[in-house]
């Protein structure tokens, strides 16, 4: 995969890790389109300059079938992933690439798979029911699958997720209201 394709695909994939949260009184419902701003930082080595990306996003669907668009500040689509059982398609201005599943896509772009199935629950401020989780009272969130999901600013529309094992990945997202 070319460097340009990886650079465009990285925010798309990490957006699936934790794209957003909700406004003060409500949590996004199942099937609701989530949109907002996303910032992703990947630290491949301690002390090295991290890779960082930022984009507007729109996420729809669920772990079985859905779509994620990443847009530049002018609103142009930088990358689009769509998935259904047995198929994942990543489209960028440079290429269209097929994958058997989201894990394969994240492995190709990041060198490892990411907990995509859990993301849809994390976006709604709750642990994924498919794996054990531990509450984190300090961050007003929880730990799950090796990620610390911080919900301290959830009422303002912010969610932060951080994985501390290598590569360290930090995702900050805010949902549009």
Foldseek 3Di string as FASTA:
>chain_A
DDPLLLLLCVVVLVCLQAAWFDAAPDFDDAFDKWKFKKKKWWAQDVPDHIDIDIFIKIWGDAQAWTKMFTAHPVRHTQWMWTHHQQWIWIDGPVDIDIDRHQQRVCCVSPVGGDPSNQRVVVRRQAGDPPFDWAQDVVQRHIDTPQKTWRCNVNNHIWIWIWHPPHRIMIMIYGTDD
